[in-house]
Amino acid sequence: MGEVVGAGFLSHVPTIMLPEAQRREMNNGNEISLVPGLKRLRAEVLDDLRPDVVIVFDTHWFSLFEFIVTAHKRRQGIYTSEEVPRGLNQVHYDMPGDPEFAQSLASHATDAGARCTANADPQLPVNYGTVNIASYLNRGEKWLSVSICQTAIHEDFLAAGRGFGEAIRASDWRVVLIASGSLSHRFYRMKELDQHESSDPNHVITPEARSADEQRIRWWEHGDHAAVVDSMDDFMRHRPEGLFGHYLMMIAAIGGAQCTAVGRRFSEYENAIGTGQVHMWFDQPVTGWI
């Protein structure tokens, strides 16, 4: 019987892929906490867990009619972002996959009420919500990506996640789930960007967005996922990245509102030109993890 052995809400902000000198230049001479946080997460958590499969809920992959799971035997190549090619370019990636497991994930999600397909087209693009995180954390495990369906609502994300959880339990794999994306996700206008590059959360787009982000971090640190799930309508005012589908699918796979997994930070809460970023890890608790 398969199981989820850990889950993370992780930032994939393009800044983490810049050279350290450039990151420091943008941040008043200081390193952003997101980069050492990912390195610590690999060394302190994943090296011990040794998962068979990592599933990434990728907020930079927007599908239209359905959820999609990558079903390739292997994804490898060189990635340059169409969005920020000056800073995110020529990134080598090599991620084994699992076509049979991908098909099972898609089938179980569909059975749970969320339209989902598996796709192994060799020309299917890879997105930096996966590539950036894998650059720090991938050590040869199987890596699968799941899209964010842009026509989905909260209930659809939760249904898909429940289906993914069933597929995991029906497998033989030890699985790590990664919700790849930010909390609130609004940017400053172009003429203002260079005034807000510091990671200081005082630069998050509005005090209200910062407060909403920090409230959810506190709930996570107390294992109160019910509060996060139940307040989604209110949080949508702050435009969370990917409709917050990355978090909703991840948490639904491990019990949804009933999950009591306590979060621990692997970064500070940081600004990224207006958006709210954090690395939060959820260890497998004794109870409350379905």
Protein backbone atom coordinates (compact mmCIF):
# COMPACT_ATOMS: atom_id res chain seq x y z
CA MET A 1 0.00 0.00 0.00
CA GLY A 2 1.38 3.39 -0.99
CA GLU A 3 1.53 6.42 1.28
CA VAL A 4 2.27 10.12 1.31
CA VAL A 5 5.38 10.51 3.44
CA GLY A 6 5.57 14.30 3.39
CA ALA A 7 4.19 17.39 1.71
CA GLY A 8 5.47 20.87 1.04
CA PHE A 9 4.08 24.25 0.07
CA LEU A 10 7.13 25.62 -1.75
CA SER A 11 8.01 28.80 -3.61
CA HIS A 12 9.32 28.50 -7.15
CA VAL A 13 9.89 32.26 -7.63
CA PRO A 14 12.36 32.86 -10.52
CA THR A 15 14.71 34.73 -8.19
CA ILE A 16 15.90 31.41 -6.73
CA MET A 17 17.50 30.58 -10.08
CA LEU A 18 19.61 33.75 -10.27
CA PRO A 19 23.29 33.73 -9.23
CA GLU A 20 23.81 34.50 -5.56
CA ALA A 21 25.54 37.80 -6.31
CA GLN A 22 22.53 38.98 -8.25
CA ARG A 23 20.11 37.83 -5.56
CA ARG A 24 22.08 39.80 -2.98
CA GLU A 25 22.21 42.87 -5.20
CA MET A 26 18.42 42.84 -5.42
CA ASN A 27 18.04 42.30 -1.68
CA ASN A 28 20.21 44.98 -0.07
CA GLY A 29 23.23 42.70 0.10
CA ASN A 30 21.43 39.85 1.84
CA GLU A 31 20.65 36.34 0.64
CA ILE A 32 16.96 35.55 0.29
CA SER A 33 15.92 32.80 2.69
CA LEU A 34 14.20 30.74 -0.02
CA VAL A 35 17.45 29.35 -1.48
CA PRO A 36 19.08 28.03 1.71
CA GLY A 37 15.61 26.81 2.68
CA LEU A 38 15.42 24.49 -0.31
CA LYS A 39 18.94 23.23 0.32
CA ARG A 40 18.04 22.49 3.95
CA LEU A 41 14.84 20.74 2.92
CA ARG A 42 16.76 18.36 0.67
CA ALA A 43 19.46 17.64 3.26
CA GLU A 44 17.30 17.53 6.39
CA VAL A 45 14.11 15.94 5.07
CA LEU A 46 14.18 14.37 1.62
CA ASP A 47 17.54 12.66 2.06
CA ASP A 48 16.02 10.81 5.02
CA LEU A 49 12.59 10.17 3.50
CA ARG A 50 13.98 8.86 0.21
CA PRO A 51 10.62 9.02 -1.63
CA ASP A 52 9.96 6.96 -4.72
CA VAL A 53 7.82 9.61 -6.40
CA VAL A 54 7.45 13.39 -6.16
CA ILE A 55 4.20 14.91 -7.44
CA VAL A 56 4.30 18.64 -8.20
CA PHE A 57 1.10 20.67 -8.38
CA ASP A 58 2.45 23.29 -10.75
CA THR A 59 0.84 26.75 -10.74
CA HIS A 60 2.73 27.71 -13.90
CA TRP A 61 0.93 25.02 -15.87
CA PHE A 62 -2.57 26.24 -16.65
CA SER A 63 -4.81 23.78 -18.49
CA LEU A 64 -8.23 24.73 -19.78
CA PHE A 65 -10.75 21.88 -19.74
CA GLU A 66 -9.30 19.33 -17.32
CA PHE A 67 -6.48 18.48 -14.96
CA ILE A 68 -3.49 16.86 -16.66
CA VAL A 69 -0.83 14.56 -15.21
CA THR A 70 2.49 14.07 -17.00
CA ALA A 71 2.82 10.44 -18.11
CA HIS A 72 6.28 10.40 -19.70
CA LYS A 73 8.85 7.72 -19.00
CA ARG A 74 11.35 10.54 -18.70
CA ARG A 75 11.39 14.29 -19.17
CA GLN A 76 14.79 15.72 -19.97
CA GLY A 77 16.11 18.71 -21.82
CA ILE A 78 17.04 22.36 -21.44
CA TYR A 79 14.52 24.90 -20.18
CA THR A 80 14.31 28.62 -20.93
CA SER A 81 11.33 30.54 -19.61
CA GLU A 82 9.22 32.46 -22.10
CA GLU A 83 8.27 34.73 -19.21
CA VAL A 84 11.69 35.68 -17.80
CA PRO A 85 14.34 34.38 -20.25
CA ARG A 86 16.95 36.93 -19.15
CA GLY A 87 17.19 35.35 -15.71
CA LEU A 88 15.79 31.85 -16.19
CA ASN A 89 17.49 30.21 -19.13
CA GLN A 90 19.43 27.13 -20.22
CA VAL A 91 18.39 25.13 -17.15
CA HIS A 92 19.11 21.43 -17.62
CA TYR A 93 16.51 19.05 -16.25
CA ASP A 94 16.22 15.27 -16.13
CA MET A 95 13.20 13.75 -14.40
CA PRO A 96 12.19 10.08 -14.63
CA GLY A 97 8.45 9.45 -14.72
CA ASP A 98 5.94 6.65 -14.28
CA PRO A 99 3.34 6.30 -17.07
CA GLU A 100 1.31 3.63 -15.27
CA PHE A 101 1.09 5.62 -12.03
CA ALA A 102 0.17 8.77 -13.98
CA GLN A 103 -2.71 6.92 -15.60
CA SER A 104 -3.87 5.72 -12.19
CA LEU A 105 -3.73 9.26 -10.78
CA ALA A 106 -5.80 10.58 -13.67
CA SER A 107 -8.33 7.74 -13.45
CA HIS A 108 -8.84 8.11 -9.70
CA ALA A 109 -9.21 11.90 -9.96
CA THR A 110 -11.84 11.48 -12.68
CA ASP A 111 -13.68 8.90 -10.58
CA ALA A 112 -13.64 11.41 -7.70
CA GLY A 113 -15.46 13.95 -9.87
CA ALA A 114 -12.65 16.01 -11.42
CA ARG A 115 -11.97 15.59 -15.14
CA CYS A 116 -8.35 14.50 -15.47
CA THR A 117 -6.19 12.92 -18.16
CA ALA A 118 -2.63 11.65 -18.38
CA ASN A 119 -0.47 12.93 -21.23
CA ALA A 120 2.87 11.67 -22.52
CA ASP A 121 3.26 13.86 -25.62
CA PRO A 122 7.02 14.43 -26.02
CA GLN A 123 6.35 18.07 -27.00
CA LEU A 124 4.31 18.83 -23.89
CA PRO A 125 6.05 21.86 -22.34
CA VAL A 126 7.75 21.72 -18.96
CA ASN A 127 7.04 24.66 -16.65
CA TYR A 128 9.26 26.43 -14.18
CA GLY A 129 6.97 25.62 -11.29
CA THR A 130 8.44 22.14 -11.68
CA VAL A 131 11.91 22.89 -13.10
CA ASN A 132 12.96 25.42 -10.46
CA ILE A 133 11.99 23.18 -7.55
CA ALA A 134 13.49 20.08 -9.17
CA SER A 135 16.78 21.91 -9.72
CA TYR A 136 17.22 22.00 -5.95
CA LEU A 137 15.40 18.86 -4.80
CA ASN A 138 15.54 16.20 -7.54
CA ARG A 139 17.96 13.37 -6.77
CA GLY A 140 16.70 10.79 -9.26
CA GLU A 141 13.21 10.14 -7.91
CA LYS A 142 10.29 9.90 -10.29
CA TRP A 143 8.85 13.39 -10.78
CA LEU A 144 5.32 13.92 -12.09
CA SER A 145 3.60 17.27 -12.66
CA VAL A 146 -0.09 18.11 -12.35
CA SER A 147 -1.69 21.11 -14.04
CA ILE A 148 -3.96 23.76 -12.58
CA CYS A 149 -7.27 23.67 -14.46
CA GLN A 150 -8.23 27.32 -14.90
CA THR A 151 -11.96 26.55 -15.17
CA ALA A 152 -11.95 24.65 -11.86
CA ILE A 153 -13.41 25.91 -8.59
CA HIS A 154 -12.38 25.02 -5.06
CA GLU A 155 -14.50 21.88 -4.97
CA ASP A 156 -12.89 20.61 -8.17
CA PHE A 157 -9.38 21.01 -6.76
CA LEU A 158 -10.42 19.19 -3.59
CA ALA A 159 -12.03 16.38 -5.59
CA ALA A 160 -8.92 15.97 -7.74
CA GLY A 161 -6.74 15.84 -4.64
CA ARG A 162 -8.96 13.21 -3.02
CA GLY A 163 -8.65 11.11 -6.16
CA PHE A 164 -4.88 11.50 -6.21
CA GLY A 165 -4.77 10.37 -2.58
CA GLU A 166 -6.73 7.23 -3.46
CA ALA A 167 -4.38 6.47 -6.34
CA ILE A 168 -1.36 6.88 -4.07
CA ARG A 169 -2.80 4.48 -1.50
CA ALA A 170 -3.54 1.98 -4.27
CA SER A 171 0.10 2.11 -5.41
CA ASP A 172 3.30 0.71 -3.97
CA TRP A 173 5.02 4.10 -3.76
CA ARG A 174 6.28 6.38 -1.02
CA VAL A 175 5.19 9.76 -2.31
CA VAL A 176 6.05 13.38 -1.57
CA LEU A 177 3.59 16.08 -2.62
CA ILE A 178 4.72 19.58 -3.55
CA ALA A 179 2.35 22.52 -3.91
CA SER A 180 4.55 24.74 -6.08
CA GLY A 181 3.55 28.38 -5.93
CA SER A 182 2.94 31.41 -3.78
CA LEU A 183 0.34 32.70 -1.37
CA SER A 184 -1.07 36.10 -2.48
CA HIS A 185 0.04 36.83 -6.01
CA ARG A 186 -0.26 40.40 -7.24
CA PHE A 187 2.61 42.31 -8.84
CA TYR A 188 3.58 45.95 -8.85
CA ARG A 189 3.43 47.86 -12.11
CA MET A 190 6.53 47.90 -14.29
CA LYS A 191 7.57 51.43 -13.31
CA GLU A 192 7.45 50.47 -9.61
CA LEU A 193 9.14 47.05 -9.73
CA ASP A 194 12.68 48.18 -8.95
CA GLN A 195 11.43 49.84 -5.77
CA HIS A 196 10.06 46.54 -4.43
CA GLU A 197 12.69 43.88 -5.16
CA SER A 198 13.69 43.40 -1.51
CA SER A 199 12.46 40.25 0.19
CA ASP A 200 11.20 42.34 3.13
CA PRO A 201 7.48 41.47 3.50
CA ASN A 202 6.73 45.17 3.94
CA HIS A 203 6.84 45.18 0.13
CA VAL A 204 4.00 42.66 -0.28
CA ILE A 205 1.42 44.35 -2.51
CA THR A 206 -0.96 45.47 0.28
CA PRO A 207 -1.01 45.24 4.08
CA GLU A 208 -4.23 43.25 3.74
CA ALA A 209 -2.60 40.67 1.46
CA ARG A 210 0.32 40.32 3.85
CA SER A 211 -2.05 39.87 6.78
CA ALA A 212 -4.03 37.21 4.94
CA ASP A 213 -0.84 35.34 4.01
CA GLU A 214 0.51 35.45 7.54
CA GLN A 215 -2.80 34.24 8.95
CA ARG A 216 -2.63 31.16 6.75
CA ILE A 217 0.95 30.51 7.77
CA ARG A 218 -0.14 30.63 11.43
CA TRP A 219 -2.97 28.21 10.72
CA TRP A 220 -0.53 25.85 9.00
CA GLU A 221 1.85 26.03 11.93
CA HIS A 222 -1.00 24.88 14.16
CA GLY A 223 -2.17 22.14 11.78
CA ASP A 224 -5.46 23.96 11.24
CA HIS A 225 -6.07 23.14 7.58
CA ALA A 226 -9.81 23.38 8.11
CA ALA A 227 -9.48 27.12 8.67
CA VAL A 228 -7.55 27.53 5.42
CA VAL A 229 -9.96 25.43 3.37
CA ASP A 230 -13.06 27.03 4.88
CA SER A 231 -11.82 30.59 4.24
CA MET A 232 -10.99 30.19 0.56
CA ASP A 233 -13.66 32.61 -0.66
CA ASP A 234 -12.18 35.36 1.50
CA PHE A 235 -8.60 34.58 0.47
CA MET A 236 -9.46 34.82 -3.21
CA ARG A 237 -9.68 38.60 -2.79
CA HIS A 238 -5.87 38.55 -2.63
CA ARG A 239 -5.51 36.51 -5.84
CA PRO A 240 -3.54 33.52 -4.57
CA GLU A 241 -1.41 31.96 -7.25
CA GLY A 242 -3.04 29.27 -9.35
CA LEU A 243 -6.43 29.81 -7.67
CA PHE A 244 -4.68 28.20 -4.68
CA GLY A 245 -5.30 24.90 -6.45
CA HIS A 246 -1.77 23.73 -5.67
CA TYR A 247 -2.49 23.82 -1.94
CA LEU A 248 -6.06 22.49 -2.23
CA MET A 249 -5.04 19.44 -4.26
CA MET A 250 -2.10 18.73 -1.97
CA ILE A 251 -4.10 18.95 1.24
CA ALA A 252 -7.10 17.03 -0.15
CA ALA A 253 -4.80 14.10 -0.92
CA ILE A 254 -3.93 13.85 2.78
CA GLY A 255 -7.30 14.41 4.40
CA GLY A 256 -8.43 17.89 3.42
CA ALA A 257 -9.99 19.90 6.23
CA GLN A 258 -9.56 16.91 8.56
CA CYS A 259 -5.79 16.85 8.11
CA THR A 260 -3.85 18.02 11.17
CA ALA A 261 -0.33 17.99 9.68
CA VAL A 262 1.63 20.74 11.42
CA GLY A 263 3.74 22.95 9.19
CA ARG A 264 7.29 24.04 9.83
CA ARG A 265 8.96 26.80 7.91
CA PHE A 266 12.00 26.30 5.75
CA SER A 267 12.16 29.99 4.90
CA GLU A 268 11.01 33.33 6.14
CA TYR A 269 7.83 34.83 4.75
CA GLU A 270 9.17 36.94 1.89
CA ASN A 271 8.12 39.41 -0.74
CA ALA A 272 8.77 38.86 -4.45
CA ILE A 273 7.82 42.10 -6.26
CA GLY A 274 4.48 42.16 -4.48
CA THR A 275 3.74 38.45 -4.03
CA GLY A 276 3.89 36.48 -0.78
CA GLN A 277 6.37 33.59 -0.71
CA VAL A 278 7.22 30.91 1.86
CA HIS A 279 8.51 27.34 2.13
CA MET A 280 6.34 25.31 4.52
CA TRP A 281 6.87 21.61 5.15
CA PHE A 282 4.31 19.19 6.60
CA ASP A 283 5.72 16.06 8.19
CA GLN A 284 3.59 12.96 8.39
CA PRO A 285 1.81 13.14 11.78
CA VAL A 286 0.73 10.15 13.85
CA THR A 287 -2.93 11.07 13.42
CA GLY A 288 -4.93 13.18 10.99
CA TRP A 289 -3.05 12.05 7.88
CA ILE A 290 -5.32 9.97 5.71
